[in-house]
Amino acid sequence: MFGAAPRLAYDRSVEVLVRFRPSGRSVRVPRGTTLLEAAQRAKLPVASACGAEAVCGRCGMRILSGNESVAPQGEAEARVKRRNRVEATDRLACRVAPIGDVEVTARYW
């Protein structure tokens, strides 16, 4: 359905800061790293039953700041969210790869 997360030609030597609330943890990751990968590096649990294939919708995260640093939601992501009853304001962490600093949270943290 989705395949691997799109890897655009970003300069991966540039790092972005991903802040996680309410834990207060932060991690610097190369530009283009997914929120799911960033959370795993920060040692935070992220729900996922599909192996980051954008099928289960369990990795939903809300972007609190830095929306301009992520690509807009596409129709495929919206369809997965509707089918899995994911909040409209959440994004699939396995699909979102920020190119700038962001702050995020998840309902289950």
Protein backbone atom coordinates (compact mmCIF):
# COMPACT_ATOMS: atom_id res chain seq x y z
CA MET A 1 0.00 0.00 0.00
CA PHE A 2 2.55 2.57 1.11
CA GLY A 3 5.89 0.78 0.88
CA ALA A 4 8.86 2.34 2.60
CA ALA A 5 8.65 5.89 3.92
CA PRO A 6 9.66 8.29 1.17
CA ARG A 7 13.29 9.31 1.49
CA LEU A 8 13.73 12.64 -0.19
CA ALA A 9 17.15 13.95 -1.12
CA TYR A 10 17.84 15.91 2.08
CA ASP A 11 21.28 16.73 3.32
CA ARG A 12 21.32 14.12 6.07
CA SER A 13 24.37 15.76 7.62
CA VAL A 14 21.96 18.44 8.88
CA GLU A 15 20.32 17.40 12.13
CA VAL A 16 16.92 18.40 13.48
CA LEU A 17 15.76 18.48 17.08
CA VAL A 18 12.71 16.39 17.98
CA ARG A 19 11.24 17.18 21.41
CA PHE A 20 8.79 14.77 23.03
CA ARG A 21 6.13 15.94 25.48
CA PRO A 22 5.31 15.34 28.24
CA SER A 23 8.48 13.29 28.81
CA GLY A 24 10.78 16.22 28.15
CA ARG A 25 13.11 13.98 26.17
CA SER A 26 14.77 15.37 23.08
CA VAL A 27 16.85 13.78 20.37
CA ARG A 28 18.86 15.16 17.45
CA VAL A 29 18.43 13.10 14.29
CA PRO A 30 19.45 13.49 10.67
CA ARG A 31 16.99 15.42 8.53
CA GLY A 32 14.50 12.99 6.98
CA THR A 33 14.41 10.58 9.96
CA THR A 34 10.82 9.57 10.74
CA LEU A 35 9.19 10.52 14.03
CA LEU A 36 8.88 6.81 14.78
CA GLU A 37 12.65 6.34 14.39
CA ALA A 38 13.31 9.46 16.48
CA ALA A 39 11.06 8.22 19.29
CA GLN A 40 12.82 4.86 19.25
CA ARG A 41 16.20 6.62 19.53
CA ALA A 42 14.82 8.56 22.50
CA LYS A 43 13.84 5.22 24.09
CA LEU A 44 10.14 6.10 24.05
CA PRO A 45 7.50 3.44 23.40
CA VAL A 46 5.53 3.87 20.19
CA ALA A 47 2.58 1.68 19.35
CA SER A 48 2.92 -0.12 16.02
CA ALA A 49 1.58 -3.42 14.78
CA CYS A 50 2.48 -3.17 11.10
CA GLY A 51 6.25 -2.77 11.16
CA ALA A 52 6.12 0.89 10.05
CA GLU A 53 4.18 0.07 6.88
CA ALA A 54 1.48 2.72 7.51
CA VAL A 55 -1.28 0.15 7.86
CA CYS A 56 -2.25 -0.05 11.54
CA GLY A 57 -2.42 3.66 12.39
CA ARG A 58 -1.24 3.02 15.96
CA CYS A 59 1.80 5.30 15.76
CA GLY A 60 -0.26 8.49 15.68
CA MET A 61 1.50 11.54 17.11
CA ARG A 62 0.32 15.12 17.44
CA ILE A 63 2.70 17.81 16.24
CA LEU A 64 2.65 20.56 18.86
CA SER A 65 5.07 22.89 17.09
CA GLY A 66 7.03 22.82 13.88
CA ASN A 67 4.21 21.95 11.47
CA GLU A 68 6.06 23.89 8.80
CA SER A 69 8.86 21.30 9.10
CA VAL A 70 6.75 18.37 7.91
CA ALA A 71 5.10 17.62 4.60
CA PRO A 72 1.32 18.04 4.48
CA GLN A 73 -0.76 14.93 5.00
CA GLY A 74 -1.54 13.10 1.79
CA GLU A 75 -4.72 11.25 0.88
CA ALA A 76 -3.16 7.83 1.57
CA GLU A 77 -2.27 8.84 5.15
CA ALA A 78 -5.74 10.34 5.64
CA ARG A 79 -7.34 7.10 4.43
CA VAL A 80 -5.31 4.97 6.88
CA LYS A 81 -6.22 7.35 9.70
CA ARG A 82 -9.94 7.21 8.88
CA ARG A 83 -9.94 3.42 8.61
CA ASN A 84 -8.16 3.08 11.98
CA ARG A 85 -10.04 5.88 13.75
CA VAL A 86 -6.91 7.95 14.33
CA GLU A 87 -7.53 11.51 15.50
CA ALA A 88 -7.63 13.97 12.61
CA THR A 89 -4.98 16.11 14.32
CA ASP A 90 -2.53 13.20 14.64
CA ARG A 91 0.03 12.21 12.03
CA LEU A 92 1.44 8.74 11.39
CA ALA A 93 4.89 8.76 12.98
CA CYS A 94 6.12 6.09 10.57
CA ARG A 95 5.43 8.44 7.63
CA VAL A 96 6.38 11.88 8.97
CA ALA A 97 10.04 12.83 8.51
CA PRO A 98 10.70 16.39 9.70
CA ILE A 99 13.20 18.61 7.91
CA GLY A 100 13.30 21.07 10.81
CA ASP A 101 12.80 21.10 14.58
CA VAL A 102 9.50 19.76 15.91
CA GLU A 103 7.77 19.08 19.21
CA VAL A 104 5.38 16.14 19.41
CA THR A 105 3.23 14.13 21.79
CA ALA A 106 1.19 10.92 21.70
CA ARG A 107 -2.05 10.08 23.51
CA TYR A 108 -0.47 7.07 25.19
CA TRP A 109 2.52 8.84 26.79
